[in-house]
Amino acid sequence: MTRGAHMEYVLGIDQGGSKTHAVVADLEGRILGMGKSYGACHSSSSLEYALKAILEAFEDALGSCQLSLEDVTTVVGGLTGIDWDYEVALLESGIQKYFPKAQIKVVNDSIIAMRAATREKRCGILCAGSGLNCAVQSGDACFAYGFYIPDEYQGGWSLGKMAVQAVFDSHMGLLPETALTQRLLTHFQAETVDELLFMRVKGKITSDDYLKLPMIIEEEACGGDEVAAGIWKNYGKVIAGYLTARARKMGICGEKMDIVLSGSIFKCKFQEFQAKVKEEILRVIPGANVIEAVFEPVMGAVVMGLQIVYGEIPEEIYKNMEETSNKFPIRRLTCNIGKH
């Protein structure tokens, strides 16, 4: 499709702490290239470092299909750590320097993950990985939780802390005996629970250490450990409550809406976790359609870019996206985008 004298292209970006992905598409929705770079977050690793990763991913994606930065007319970025308006302005300004004539839009990365799964205007997402975010949208109104979610429920990191505390609670008699005790003592090379407690008090258990523990909790829960199972089910109930609370406040609990479950935590093999999340959602929002994302989140950024161009994206554009996405590692499910 041409607009004026030149072909125009949309560029989508997904930046998280572990990776930065970029995808380029033409205005017909055909996926032409994909690029990647290192992970970053502007608020923790510096704005300059995050923008450098974005530029590398952009250049990788465009270079794979012999395009240049000048060919891009619309850029949408879903970036981790976007919680305040001033951060949006900073990052949009930073990206604009690479694309002086393009339209630039930056949103929290949970929003593009939601758009990778659903076309509906009434929807929500629970995005649980190393951290946790939740967003609910009704028409033009959208609320993303960000820092409203306390540290004790921030994804894999918080699950790891729960496991360590469960060992202490079991040792005190507040919880039953648990296989997590020996697993964590072995993991941290501690001889006793007191030694493990001393390590925590002295700050010798780091955030990276906590992020390695969800796999252990998963294994023990699948093996029938009551305490490990309880950690997963309680976590599922709590995080579902964020989504249902916002839907209730928006007055849409009685409506039909898509609810997206996204992120590595939802790949947990202890299926009672996902079941608890769905149970809690459906208890409050009976018309909820709980789904997984069809595409990786970066494709949600491309969708939002095409929405800037078209408003309502024509069905043929979605079809082209689906047909050409098979060439790249961006598809999670085999069904059509937004179709259930």
C-alpha atoms as a PDB file:
ATOM      1  CA  MET A   1       0.000   0.000   0.000  1.00  0.00           C
ATOM      2  CA  THR A   2       1.336   3.443  -0.860  1.00  0.00           C
ATOM      3  CA  ARG A   3       0.543   6.726   0.747  1.00  0.00           C
ATOM      4  CA  GLY A   4       2.094   9.498  -1.284  1.00  0.00           C
ATOM      5  CA  ALA A   5       5.278   8.601  -3.143  1.00  0.00           C
ATOM      6  CA  HIS A   6       6.768   6.069  -0.765  1.00  0.00           C
ATOM      7  CA  MET A   7       5.958   2.777   0.868  1.00  0.00           C
ATOM      8  CA  GLU A   8       5.310   3.148   4.562  1.00  0.00           C
ATOM      9  CA  TYR A   9       6.070   0.750   7.368  1.00  0.00           C
ATOM     10  CA  VAL A  10       5.077   0.115  10.965  1.00  0.00           C
ATOM     11  CA  LEU A  11       7.610  -0.851  13.606  1.00  0.00           C
ATOM     12  CA  GLY A  12       6.654  -2.539  16.877  1.00  0.00           C
ATOM     13  CA  ILE A  13       8.927  -2.855  19.905  1.00  0.00           C
ATOM     14  CA  ASP A  14       8.736  -4.972  23.051  1.00  0.00           C
ATOM     15  CA  GLN A  15      11.328  -4.227  25.712  1.00  0.00           C
ATOM     16  CA  GLY A  16      11.633  -6.173  28.938  1.00  0.00           C
ATOM     17  CA  GLY A  17      14.359  -6.874  31.443  1.00  0.00           C
ATOM     18  CA  SER A  18      15.590  -9.976  29.591  1.00  0.00           C
ATOM     19  CA  LYS A  19      15.255  -8.957  25.918  1.00  0.00           C
ATOM     20  CA  THR A  20      14.223  -6.304  23.401  1.00  0.00           C
ATOM     21  CA  HIS A  21      12.304  -7.418  20.286  1.00  0.00           C
ATOM     22  CA  ALA A  22      11.330  -5.432  17.208  1.00  0.00           C
ATOM     23  CA  VAL A  23       9.052  -6.388  14.291  1.00  0.00           C
ATOM     24  CA  VAL A  24       8.491  -4.449  11.058  1.00  0.00           C
ATOM     25  CA  ALA A  25       5.357  -4.721   8.906  1.00  0.00           C
ATOM     26  CA  ASP A  26       4.039  -2.968   5.831  1.00  0.00           C
ATOM     27  CA  LEU A  27       0.636  -1.286   5.790  1.00  0.00           C
ATOM     28  CA  GLU A  28      -0.926  -4.442   4.359  1.00  0.00           C
ATOM     29  CA  GLY A  29      -0.045  -6.164   7.633  1.00  0.00           C
ATOM     30  CA  ARG A  30       2.667  -8.350   6.119  1.00  0.00           C
ATOM     31  CA  ILE A  31       5.428  -9.136   8.617  1.00  0.00           C
ATOM     32  CA  LEU A  32       8.724  -8.375   6.898  1.00  0.00           C
ATOM     33  CA  GLY A  33      11.428  -8.581   9.526  1.00  0.00           C
ATOM     34  CA  MET A  34      12.274  -9.194  13.161  1.00  0.00           C
ATOM     35  CA  GLY A  35      15.189  -8.071  15.286  1.00  0.00           C
ATOM     36  CA  LYS A  36      16.386  -8.453  18.843  1.00  0.00           C
ATOM     37  CA  SER A  37      18.746  -6.967  21.367  1.00  0.00           C
ATOM     38  CA  TYR A  38      19.561  -7.139  25.059  1.00  0.00           C
ATOM     39  CA  GLY A  39      16.997  -6.452  27.766  1.00  0.00           C
ATOM     40  CA  ALA A  40      16.784  -3.157  29.620  1.00  0.00           C
ATOM     41  CA  CYS A  41      14.553  -0.914  31.692  1.00  0.00           C
ATOM     42  CA  HIS A  42      14.954   2.837  31.463  1.00  0.00           C
ATOM     43  CA  SER A  43      14.261   3.369  35.164  1.00  0.00           C
ATOM     44  CA  SER A  44      16.789   0.844  36.490  1.00  0.00           C
ATOM     45  CA  SER A  45      19.483   0.579  33.806  1.00  0.00           C
ATOM     46  CA  SER A  46      19.342   4.199  32.481  1.00  0.00           C
ATOM     47  CA  LEU A  47      17.435   5.800  29.631  1.00  0.00           C
ATOM     48  CA  GLU A  48      20.490   5.811  27.384  1.00  0.00           C
ATOM     49  CA  TYR A  49      21.075   2.074  27.882  1.00  0.00           C
ATOM     50  CA  ALA A  50      17.414   1.257  27.152  1.00  0.00           C
ATOM     51  CA  LEU A  51      17.324   3.426  24.027  1.00  0.00           C
ATOM     52  CA  LYS A  52      20.527   1.821  22.735  1.00  0.00           C
ATOM     53  CA  ALA A  53      18.891  -1.620  23.018  1.00  0.00           C
ATOM     54  CA  ILE A  54      15.817  -0.324  21.183  1.00  0.00           C
ATOM     55  CA  LEU A  55      17.944   1.112  18.367  1.00  0.00           C
ATOM     56  CA  GLU A  56      19.866  -2.157  17.998  1.00  0.00           C
ATOM     57  CA  ALA A  57      16.634  -4.136  17.759  1.00  0.00           C
ATOM     58  CA  PHE A  58      15.200  -1.625  15.257  1.00  0.00           C
ATOM     59  CA  GLU A  59      18.289  -1.814  13.038  1.00  0.00           C
ATOM     60  CA  ASP A  60      18.335  -5.626  13.230  1.00  0.00           C
ATOM     61  CA  ALA A  61      14.671  -5.867  12.198  1.00  0.00           C
ATOM     62  CA  LEU A  62      14.948  -3.324   9.386  1.00  0.00           C
ATOM     63  CA  GLY A  63      18.242  -4.714   8.135  1.00  0.00           C
ATOM     64  CA  SER A  64      16.720  -8.184   7.812  1.00  0.00           C
ATOM     65  CA  CYS A  65      14.353  -6.848   5.124  1.00  0.00           C
ATOM     66  CA  GLN A  66      16.648  -4.198   3.576  1.00  0.00           C
ATOM     67  CA  LEU A  67      14.800  -1.211   5.015  1.00  0.00           C
ATOM     68  CA  SER A  68      16.167   1.827   6.850  1.00  0.00           C
ATOM     69  CA  LEU A  69      14.989   4.015   9.707  1.00  0.00           C
ATOM     70  CA  GLU A  70      13.745   6.567   7.146  1.00  0.00           C
ATOM     71  CA  ASP A  71      11.214   4.070   5.774  1.00  0.00           C
ATOM     72  CA  VAL A  72       9.305   3.841   9.062  1.00  0.00           C
ATOM     73  CA  THR A  73       6.281   6.096   9.543  1.00  0.00           C
ATOM     74  CA  THR A  74       4.698   4.631  12.697  1.00  0.00           C
ATOM     75  CA  VAL A  75       6.416   3.250  15.799  1.00  0.00           C
ATOM     76  CA  VAL A  76       4.714   1.717  18.837  1.00  0.00           C
ATOM     77  CA  GLY A  77       6.721   0.554  21.829  1.00  0.00           C
ATOM     78  CA  GLY A  78       5.544  -1.556  24.731  1.00  0.00           C
ATOM     79  CA  LEU A  79       8.221  -0.943  27.325  1.00  0.00           C
ATOM     80  CA  THR A  80       8.720  -2.290  30.804  1.00  0.00           C
ATOM     81  CA  GLY A  81       8.665   0.245  33.623  1.00  0.00           C
ATOM     82  CA  ILE A  82       6.282   2.704  31.923  1.00  0.00           C
ATOM     83  CA  ASP A  83       4.261   3.775  34.944  1.00  0.00           C
ATOM     84  CA  TRP A  84       4.232   7.583  34.846  1.00  0.00           C
ATOM     85  CA  ASP A  85       3.348  10.151  32.177  1.00  0.00           C
ATOM     86  CA  TYR A  86       6.795  11.741  32.262  1.00  0.00           C
ATOM     87  CA  GLU A  87       8.349   8.356  31.385  1.00  0.00           C
ATOM     88  CA  VAL A  88       6.143   8.142  28.306  1.00  0.00           C
ATOM     89  CA  ALA A  89       7.288  11.598  27.218  1.00  0.00           C
ATOM     90  CA  LEU A  90      10.965  10.783  27.823  1.00  0.00           C
ATOM     91  CA  LEU A  91      10.907   7.564  25.826  1.00  0.00           C
ATOM     92  CA  GLU A  92       8.769   8.920  23.008  1.00  0.00           C
ATOM     93  CA  SER A  93      11.179  11.843  22.694  1.00  0.00           C
ATOM     94  CA  GLY A  94      14.163   9.488  22.738  1.00  0.00           C
ATOM     95  CA  ILE A  95      12.710   7.236  20.024  1.00  0.00           C
ATOM     96  CA  GLN A  96      11.583  10.258  17.978  1.00  0.00           C
ATOM     97  CA  LYS A  97      15.248  11.212  17.477  1.00  0.00           C
ATOM     98  CA  TYR A  98      15.695   8.053  15.409  1.00  0.00           C
ATOM     99  CA  PHE A  99      12.460   8.625  13.456  1.00  0.00           C
ATOM    100  CA  PRO A 100      11.972  12.418  13.188  1.00  0.00           C
ATOM    101  CA  LYS A 101       9.029  12.162  10.755  1.00  0.00           C
ATOM    102  CA  ALA A 102       7.263   9.122  12.262  1.00  0.00           C
ATOM    103  CA  GLN A 103       4.336   8.923  14.658  1.00  0.00           C
ATOM    104  CA  ILE A 104       5.582   7.550  17.985  1.00  0.00           C
ATOM    105  CA  LYS A 105       3.511   5.936  20.726  1.00  0.00           C
ATOM    106  CA  VAL A 106       4.846   4.324  23.913  1.00  0.00           C
ATOM    107  CA  VAL A 107       2.791   2.279  26.389  1.00  0.00           C
ATOM    108  CA  ASN A 108       3.368  -0.098  29.271  1.00  0.00           C
ATOM    109  CA  ASP A 109       4.396  -3.525  27.981  1.00  0.00           C
ATOM    110  CA  SER A 110       1.292  -5.169  29.495  1.00  0.00           C
ATOM    111  CA  ILE A 111      -0.856  -3.246  26.976  1.00  0.00           C
ATOM    112  CA  ILE A 112       0.865  -4.684  23.913  1.00  0.00           C
ATOM    113  CA  ALA A 113       0.655  -8.170  25.446  1.00  0.00           C
ATOM    114  CA  MET A 114      -3.105  -7.643  25.759  1.00  0.00           C
ATOM    115  CA  ARG A 115      -3.366  -6.459  22.159  1.00  0.00           C
ATOM    116  CA  ALA A 116      -1.437  -9.533  20.988  1.00  0.00           C
ATOM    117  CA  ALA A 117      -4.361 -11.626  22.235  1.00  0.00           C
ATOM    118  CA  THR A 118      -7.587  -9.746  21.663  1.00  0.00           C
ATOM    119  CA  ARG A 119      -9.238  -7.203  19.408  1.00  0.00           C
ATOM    120  CA  GLU A 120     -11.980  -6.478  21.945  1.00  0.00           C
ATOM    121  CA  LYS A 121     -12.341  -2.994  23.417  1.00  0.00           C
ATOM    122  CA  ARG A 122     -13.510  -4.451  26.736  1.00  0.00           C
ATOM    123  CA  CYS A 123     -10.704  -6.633  28.057  1.00  0.00           C
ATOM    124  CA  GLY A 124      -8.069  -7.163  30.714  1.00  0.00           C
ATOM    125  CA  ILE A 125      -4.687  -8.777  31.244  1.00  0.00           C
ATOM    126  CA  LEU A 126      -2.695 -10.423  33.994  1.00  0.00           C
ATOM    127  CA  CYS A 127       0.962 -10.378  32.956  1.00  0.00           C
ATOM    128  CA  ALA A 128       3.060 -12.437  35.378  1.00  0.00           C
ATOM    129  CA  GLY A 129       6.740 -13.066  34.760  1.00  0.00           C
ATOM    130  CA  SER A 130       9.629 -11.928  36.922  1.00  0.00           C
ATOM    131  CA  GLY A 131       7.223  -9.184  38.027  1.00  0.00           C
ATOM    132  CA  LEU A 132       3.475  -8.638  37.792  1.00  0.00           C
ATOM    133  CA  ASN A 133       1.303  -6.140  35.994  1.00  0.00           C
ATOM    134  CA  CYS A 134      -2.406  -5.976  35.391  1.00  0.00           C
ATOM    135  CA  ALA A 135      -4.503  -3.796  33.105  1.00  0.00           C
ATOM    136  CA  VAL A 136      -8.217  -3.440  32.383  1.00  0.00           C
ATOM    137  CA  GLN A 137      -9.702  -1.602  29.411  1.00  0.00           C
ATOM    138  CA  SER A 138     -13.268  -0.551  28.651  1.00  0.00           C
ATOM    139  CA  GLY A 139     -13.593   1.475  25.469  1.00  0.00           C
ATOM    140  CA  ASP A 140     -11.100   4.332  25.665  1.00  0.00           C
ATOM    141  CA  ALA A 141     -10.624   3.964  29.434  1.00  0.00           C
ATOM    142  CA  CYS A 142      -7.601   1.874  30.396  1.00  0.00           C
ATOM    143  CA  PHE A 143      -5.994   1.382  33.793  1.00  0.00           C
ATOM    144  CA  ALA A 144      -2.616  -0.335  34.290  1.00  0.00           C
ATOM    145  CA  TYR A 145      -1.628  -1.107  37.872  1.00  0.00           C
ATOM    146  CA  GLY A 146       2.161  -0.783  37.761  1.00  0.00           C
ATOM    147  CA  PHE A 147       3.473   0.322  41.155  1.00  0.00           C
ATOM    148  CA  TYR A 148       0.049  -0.096  42.757  1.00  0.00           C
ATOM    149  CA  ILE A 149       0.883  -3.805  43.076  1.00  0.00           C
ATOM    150  CA  PRO A 150       3.003  -4.331  46.210  1.00  0.00           C
ATOM    151  CA  ASP A 151       6.349  -6.125  46.172  1.00  0.00           C
ATOM    152  CA  GLU A 152       4.958  -9.238  47.864  1.00  0.00           C
ATOM    153  CA  TYR A 153       2.977 -10.137  44.733  1.00  0.00           C
ATOM    154  CA  GLN A 154       5.487  -9.176  42.059  1.00  0.00           C
ATOM    155  CA  GLY A 155       5.673 -12.361  40.001  1.00  0.00           C
ATOM    156  CA  GLY A 156       8.499 -14.894  40.207  1.00  0.00           C
ATOM    157  CA  TRP A 157      10.494 -12.764  42.612  1.00  0.00           C
ATOM    158  CA  SER A 158       7.653 -12.665  45.141  1.00  0.00           C
ATOM    159  CA  LEU A 159       6.904 -16.382  44.747  1.00  0.00           C
ATOM    160  CA  GLY A 160      10.511 -17.085  45.687  1.00  0.00           C
ATOM    161  CA  LYS A 161      10.160 -14.962  48.823  1.00  0.00           C
ATOM    162  CA  MET A 162       6.940 -16.815  49.696  1.00  0.00           C
ATOM    163  CA  ALA A 163       8.768 -20.139  49.465  1.00  0.00           C
ATOM    164  CA  VAL A 164      11.513 -19.018  51.832  1.00  0.00           C
ATOM    165  CA  GLN A 165       8.967 -17.663  54.304  1.00  0.00           C
ATOM    166  CA  ALA A 166       6.984 -20.910  54.058  1.00  0.00           C
ATOM    167  CA  VAL A 167      10.068 -22.807  55.231  1.00  0.00           C
ATOM    168  CA  PHE A 168      10.290 -20.522  58.265  1.00  0.00           C
ATOM    169  CA  ASP A 169       6.545 -20.805  58.937  1.00  0.00           C
ATOM    170  CA  SER A 170       6.753 -24.593  58.744  1.00  0.00           C
ATOM    171  CA  HIS A 171       9.708 -24.615  61.124  1.00  0.00           C
ATOM    172  CA  MET A 172       7.701 -22.523  63.608  1.00  0.00           C
ATOM    173  CA  GLY A 173       4.668 -24.806  63.292  1.00  0.00           C
ATOM    174  CA  LEU A 174       2.459 -22.283  61.489  1.00  0.00           C
ATOM    175  CA  LEU A 175       2.407 -24.531  58.415  1.00  0.00           C
ATOM    176  CA  PRO A 176       2.696 -28.316  57.975  1.00  0.00           C
ATOM    177  CA  GLU A 177       6.025 -30.017  57.292  1.00  0.00           C
ATOM    178  CA  THR A 178       7.060 -29.320  53.707  1.00  0.00           C
ATOM    179  CA  ALA A 179       9.488 -30.718  51.170  1.00  0.00           C
ATOM    180  CA  LEU A 180      10.429 -27.118  50.430  1.00  0.00           C
ATOM    181  CA  THR A 181      12.552 -27.106  53.587  1.00  0.00           C
ATOM    182  CA  GLN A 182      15.123 -29.588  52.360  1.00  0.00           C
ATOM    183  CA  ARG A 183      14.958 -28.286  48.787  1.00  0.00           C
ATOM    184  CA  LEU A 184      15.773 -24.738  49.855  1.00  0.00           C
ATOM    185  CA  LEU A 185      18.425 -25.750  52.377  1.00  0.00           C
ATOM    186  CA  THR A 186      20.150 -27.684  49.600  1.00  0.00           C
ATOM    187  CA  HIS A 187      19.675 -24.872  47.117  1.00  0.00           C
ATOM    188  CA  PHE A 188      21.230 -22.269  49.408  1.00  0.00           C
ATOM    189  CA  GLN A 189      23.802 -24.689  50.856  1.00  0.00           C
ATOM    190  CA  ALA A 190      22.528 -24.089  54.372  1.00  0.00           C
ATOM    191  CA  GLU A 191      22.799 -26.704  57.113  1.00  0.00           C
ATOM    192  CA  THR A 192      19.759 -25.593  59.137  1.00  0.00           C
ATOM    193  CA  VAL A 193      16.685 -23.398  58.926  1.00  0.00           C
ATOM    194  CA  ASP A 194      18.369 -21.016  61.367  1.00  0.00           C
ATOM    195  CA  GLU A 195      21.284 -20.664  58.955  1.00  0.00           C
ATOM    196  CA  LEU A 196      18.861 -19.923  56.108  1.00  0.00           C
ATOM    197  CA  LEU A 197      17.142 -17.318  58.289  1.00  0.00           C
ATOM    198  CA  PHE A 198      20.505 -15.730  59.080  1.00  0.00           C
ATOM    199  CA  MET A 199      21.250 -15.516  55.346  1.00  0.00           C
ATOM    200  CA  ARG A 200      17.976 -13.692  54.723  1.00  0.00           C
ATOM    201  CA  VAL A 201      18.399 -11.296  57.651  1.00  0.00           C
ATOM    202  CA  LYS A 202      21.915 -10.411  56.492  1.00  0.00           C
ATOM    203  CA  GLY A 203      20.739  -9.762  52.940  1.00  0.00           C
ATOM    204  CA  LYS A 204      22.639 -12.701  51.462  1.00  0.00           C
ATOM    205  CA  ILE A 205      19.572 -13.891  49.531  1.00  0.00           C
ATOM    206  CA  THR A 206      19.299 -11.653  46.469  1.00  0.00           C
ATOM    207  CA  SER A 207      16.507 -10.873  44.033  1.00  0.00           C
ATOM    208  CA  ASP A 208      18.200 -13.152  41.503  1.00  0.00           C
ATOM    209  CA  ASP A 209      18.154 -15.943  44.086  1.00  0.00           C
ATOM    210  CA  TYR A 210      14.422 -15.533  44.627  1.00  0.00           C
ATOM    211  CA  LEU A 211      13.782 -15.612  40.868  1.00  0.00           C
ATOM    212  CA  LYS A 212      15.291 -19.117  40.695  1.00  0.00           C
ATOM    213  CA  LEU A 213      12.841 -20.613  43.204  1.00  0.00           C
ATOM    214  CA  PRO A 214       9.482 -20.793  41.338  1.00  0.00           C
ATOM    215  CA  MET A 215      10.685 -23.909  39.503  1.00  0.00           C
ATOM    216  CA  ILE A 216      11.304 -25.628  42.845  1.00  0.00           C
ATOM    217  CA  ILE A 217       7.859 -24.612  44.138  1.00  0.00           C
ATOM    218  CA  GLU A 218       6.328 -25.905  40.903  1.00  0.00           C
ATOM    219  CA  GLU A 219       8.084 -29.265  41.163  1.00  0.00           C
ATOM    220  CA  GLU A 220       7.053 -29.801  44.769  1.00  0.00           C
ATOM    221  CA  ALA A 221       3.466 -28.703  44.121  1.00  0.00           C
ATOM    222  CA  CYS A 222       3.238 -31.175  41.217  1.00  0.00           C
ATOM    223  CA  GLY A 223       4.666 -33.791  43.561  1.00  0.00           C
ATOM    224  CA  GLY A 224       1.828 -33.284  46.035  1.00  0.00           C
ATOM    225  CA  ASP A 225       3.419 -31.015  48.632  1.00  0.00           C
ATOM    226  CA  GLU A 226       0.597 -29.205  50.445  1.00  0.00           C
ATOM    227  CA  VAL A 227       2.575 -26.082  51.304  1.00  0.00           C
ATOM    228  CA  ALA A 228       3.992 -25.617  47.797  1.00  0.00           C
ATOM    229  CA  ALA A 229       0.524 -26.111  46.300  1.00  0.00           C
ATOM    230  CA  GLY A 230      -0.875 -23.569  48.733  1.00  0.00           C
ATOM    231  CA  ILE A 231       1.645 -20.959  47.612  1.00  0.00           C
ATOM    232  CA  TRP A 232       0.536 -21.293  43.997  1.00  0.00           C
ATOM    233  CA  LYS A 233      -3.192 -21.327  44.703  1.00  0.00           C
ATOM    234  CA  ASN A 234      -3.058 -18.377  47.088  1.00  0.00           C
ATOM    235  CA  TYR A 235      -0.990 -16.401  44.601  1.00  0.00           C
ATOM    236  CA  GLY A 236      -3.515 -17.146  41.861  1.00  0.00           C
ATOM    237  CA  LYS A 237      -6.392 -15.956  44.020  1.00  0.00           C
ATOM    238  CA  VAL A 238      -4.638 -12.729  44.973  1.00  0.00           C
ATOM    239  CA  ILE A 239      -3.513 -11.662  41.513  1.00  0.00           C
ATOM    240  CA  ALA A 240      -6.942 -12.418  40.003  1.00  0.00           C
ATOM    241  CA  GLY A 241      -8.329 -10.024  42.609  1.00  0.00           C
ATOM    242  CA  TYR A 242      -6.463  -7.088  41.088  1.00  0.00           C
ATOM    243  CA  LEU A 243      -8.132  -7.626  37.739  1.00  0.00           C
ATOM    244  CA  THR A 244     -11.636  -8.225  39.096  1.00  0.00           C
ATOM    245  CA  ALA A 245     -11.385  -5.242  41.442  1.00  0.00           C
ATOM    246  CA  ARG A 246     -10.694  -2.863  38.585  1.00  0.00           C
ATOM    247  CA  ALA A 247     -13.419  -4.390  36.414  1.00  0.00           C
ATOM    248  CA  ARG A 248     -15.831  -3.919  39.303  1.00  0.00           C
ATOM    249  CA  LYS A 249     -14.788  -0.283  39.712  1.00  0.00           C
ATOM    250  CA  MET A 250     -15.297   0.296  35.985  1.00  0.00           C
ATOM    251  CA  GLY A 251     -18.753  -1.231  36.277  1.00  0.00           C
ATOM    252  CA  ILE A 252     -18.165  -3.921  33.659  1.00  0.00           C
ATOM    253  CA  CYS A 253     -18.287  -7.130  35.720  1.00  0.00           C
ATOM    254  CA  GLY A 254     -21.649  -8.015  34.197  1.00  0.00           C
ATOM    255  CA  GLU A 255     -20.349  -7.653  30.645  1.00  0.00           C
ATOM    256  CA  LYS A 256     -18.620 -10.083  28.338  1.00  0.00           C
ATOM    257  CA  MET A 257     -14.895  -9.405  28.139  1.00  0.00           C
ATOM    258  CA  ASP A 258     -11.648 -11.091  27.149  1.00  0.00           C
ATOM    259  CA  ILE A 259      -9.162 -11.705  29.954  1.00  0.00           C
ATOM    260  CA  VAL A 260      -5.611 -12.475  28.819  1.00  0.00           C
ATOM    261  CA  LEU A 261      -3.170 -14.538  30.883  1.00  0.00           C
ATOM    262  CA  SER A 262       0.380 -13.768  29.784  1.00  0.00           C
ATOM    263  CA  GLY A 263       3.943 -14.268  30.989  1.00  0.00           C
ATOM    264  CA  SER A 264       6.212 -17.104  32.070  1.00  0.00           C
ATOM    265  CA  ILE A 265       4.438 -17.701  35.398  1.00  0.00           C
ATOM    266  CA  PHE A 266       1.348 -18.889  33.526  1.00  0.00           C
ATOM    267  CA  LYS A 267       3.444 -21.676  31.992  1.00  0.00           C
ATOM    268  CA  CYS A 268       3.489 -23.309  35.451  1.00  0.00           C
ATOM    269  CA  LYS A 269       2.901 -27.072  35.194  1.00  0.00           C
ATOM    270  CA  PHE A 270       0.906 -27.081  38.438  1.00  0.00           C
ATOM    271  CA  GLN A 271      -2.403 -26.576  36.695  1.00  0.00           C
ATOM    272  CA  GLU A 272      -4.343 -25.828  39.870  1.00  0.00           C
ATOM    273  CA  PHE A 273      -2.671 -22.410  39.792  1.00  0.00           C
ATOM    274  CA  GLN A 274      -4.212 -21.446  36.450  1.00  0.00           C
ATOM    275  CA  ALA A 275      -7.486 -23.063  37.547  1.00  0.00           C
ATOM    276  CA  LYS A 276      -7.586 -20.878  40.665  1.00  0.00           C
ATOM    277  CA  VAL A 277      -6.948 -17.727  38.627  1.00  0.00           C
ATOM    278  CA  LYS A 278      -9.788 -18.582  36.228  1.00  0.00           C
ATOM    279  CA  GLU A 279     -12.109 -19.586  39.066  1.00  0.00           C
ATOM    280  CA  GLU A 280     -11.632 -16.241  40.796  1.00  0.00           C
ATOM    281  CA  ILE A 281     -12.088 -14.274  37.578  1.00  0.00           C
ATOM    282  CA  LEU A 282     -15.282 -16.114  36.615  1.00  0.00           C
ATOM    283  CA  ARG A 283     -16.661 -15.814  40.139  1.00  0.00           C
ATOM    284  CA  VAL A 284     -16.707 -12.026  39.793  1.00  0.00           C
ATOM    285  CA  ILE A 285     -16.947 -11.672  35.991  1.00  0.00           C
ATOM    286  CA  PRO A 286     -19.173 -14.560  34.813  1.00  0.00           C
ATOM    287  CA  GLY A 287     -18.979 -13.394  31.198  1.00  0.00           C
ATOM    288  CA  ALA A 288     -15.189 -13.435  31.087  1.00  0.00           C
ATOM    289  CA  ASN A 289     -13.472 -15.306  28.265  1.00  0.00           C
ATOM    290  CA  VAL A 290     -10.089 -16.306  29.729  1.00  0.00           C
ATOM    291  CA  ILE A 291      -7.554 -16.706  26.920  1.00  0.00           C
ATOM    292  CA  GLU A 292      -3.863 -16.918  26.125  1.00  0.00           C
ATOM    293  CA  ALA A 293      -2.041 -14.655  23.682  1.00  0.00           C
ATOM    294  CA  VAL A 294      -1.850 -15.834  20.073  1.00  0.00           C
ATOM    295  CA  PHE A 295       1.301 -13.833  19.394  1.00  0.00           C
ATOM    296  CA  GLU A 296       4.300 -12.702  21.392  1.00  0.00           C
ATOM    297  CA  PRO A 297       3.711  -9.215  22.865  1.00  0.00           C
ATOM    298  CA  VAL A 298       5.753  -7.461  20.177  1.00  0.00           C
ATOM    299  CA  MET A 299       2.975  -8.270  17.710  1.00  0.00           C
ATOM    300  CA  GLY A 300       0.578  -6.336  19.909  1.00  0.00           C
ATOM    301  CA  ALA A 301       2.771  -3.293  19.270  1.00  0.00           C
ATOM    302  CA  VAL A 302       2.440  -3.864  15.513  1.00  0.00           C
ATOM    303  CA  VAL A 303      -1.345  -4.150  15.886  1.00  0.00           C
ATOM    304  CA  MET A 304      -1.447  -0.851  17.773  1.00  0.00           C
ATOM    305  CA  GLY A 305       0.692   0.748  15.068  1.00  0.00           C
ATOM    306  CA  LEU A 306      -1.729  -0.385  12.377  1.00  0.00           C
ATOM    307  CA  GLN A 307      -4.609   0.933  14.488  1.00  0.00           C
ATOM    308  CA  ILE A 308      -2.956   4.357  14.395  1.00  0.00           C
ATOM    309  CA  VAL A 309      -2.925   4.120  10.596  1.00  0.00           C
ATOM    310  CA  TYR A 310      -6.408   2.687  10.027  1.00  0.00           C
ATOM    311  CA  GLY A 311      -8.443   3.244  13.178  1.00  0.00           C
ATOM    312  CA  GLU A 312     -10.365  -0.003  12.712  1.00  0.00           C
ATOM    313  CA  ILE A 313      -8.000  -2.507  11.120  1.00  0.00           C
ATOM    314  CA  PRO A 314      -9.563  -4.243   8.079  1.00  0.00           C
ATOM    315  CA  GLU A 315     -10.000  -7.994   8.345  1.00  0.00           C
ATOM    316  CA  GLU A 316      -7.672  -8.583   5.400  1.00  0.00           C
ATOM    317  CA  ILE A 317      -4.854  -6.901   7.326  1.00  0.00           C
ATOM    318  CA  TYR A 318      -5.269  -9.321  10.239  1.00  0.00           C
ATOM    319  CA  LYS A 319      -5.266 -12.191   7.759  1.00  0.00           C
ATOM    320  CA  ASN A 320      -1.985 -11.012   6.259  1.00  0.00           C
ATOM    321  CA  MET A 321      -0.434 -10.729   9.718  1.00  0.00           C
ATOM    322  CA  GLU A 322      -1.449 -14.286  10.550  1.00  0.00           C
ATOM    323  CA  GLU A 323      -0.187 -15.726   7.253  1.00  0.00           C
ATOM    324  CA  THR A 324       3.199 -13.999   7.308  1.00  0.00           C
ATOM    325  CA  SER A 325       3.893 -14.404  11.047  1.00  0.00           C
ATOM    326  CA  ASN A 326       4.777 -18.069  10.502  1.00  0.00           C
ATOM    327  CA  LYS A 327       8.156 -17.025   9.126  1.00  0.00           C
ATOM    328  CA  PHE A 328       9.229 -15.640  12.495  1.00  0.00           C
ATOM    329  CA  PRO A 329       9.316 -16.895  16.127  1.00  0.00           C
ATOM    330  CA  ILE A 330       6.422 -14.674  17.203  1.00  0.00           C
ATOM    331  CA  ARG A 331       3.451 -17.047  17.292  1.00  0.00           C
ATOM    332  CA  ARG A 332       2.457 -18.707  20.565  1.00  0.00           C
ATOM    333  CA  LEU A 333      -0.803 -20.422  19.557  1.00  0.00           C
ATOM    334  CA  THR A 334      -2.172 -21.788  16.291  1.00  0.00           C
ATOM    335  CA  CYS A 335      -5.574 -20.052  16.364  1.00  0.00           C
ATOM    336  CA  ASN A 336      -6.323 -16.727  14.683  1.00  0.00           C
ATOM    337  CA  ILE A 337      -5.573 -13.485  16.505  1.00  0.00           C
ATOM    338  CA  GLY A 338      -8.472 -12.490  18.694  1.00  0.00           C
ATOM    339  CA  LYS A 339     -10.624 -15.446  17.528  1.00  0.00           C
ATOM    340  CA  HIS A 340     -11.669 -18.068  20.072  1.00  0.00           C
END
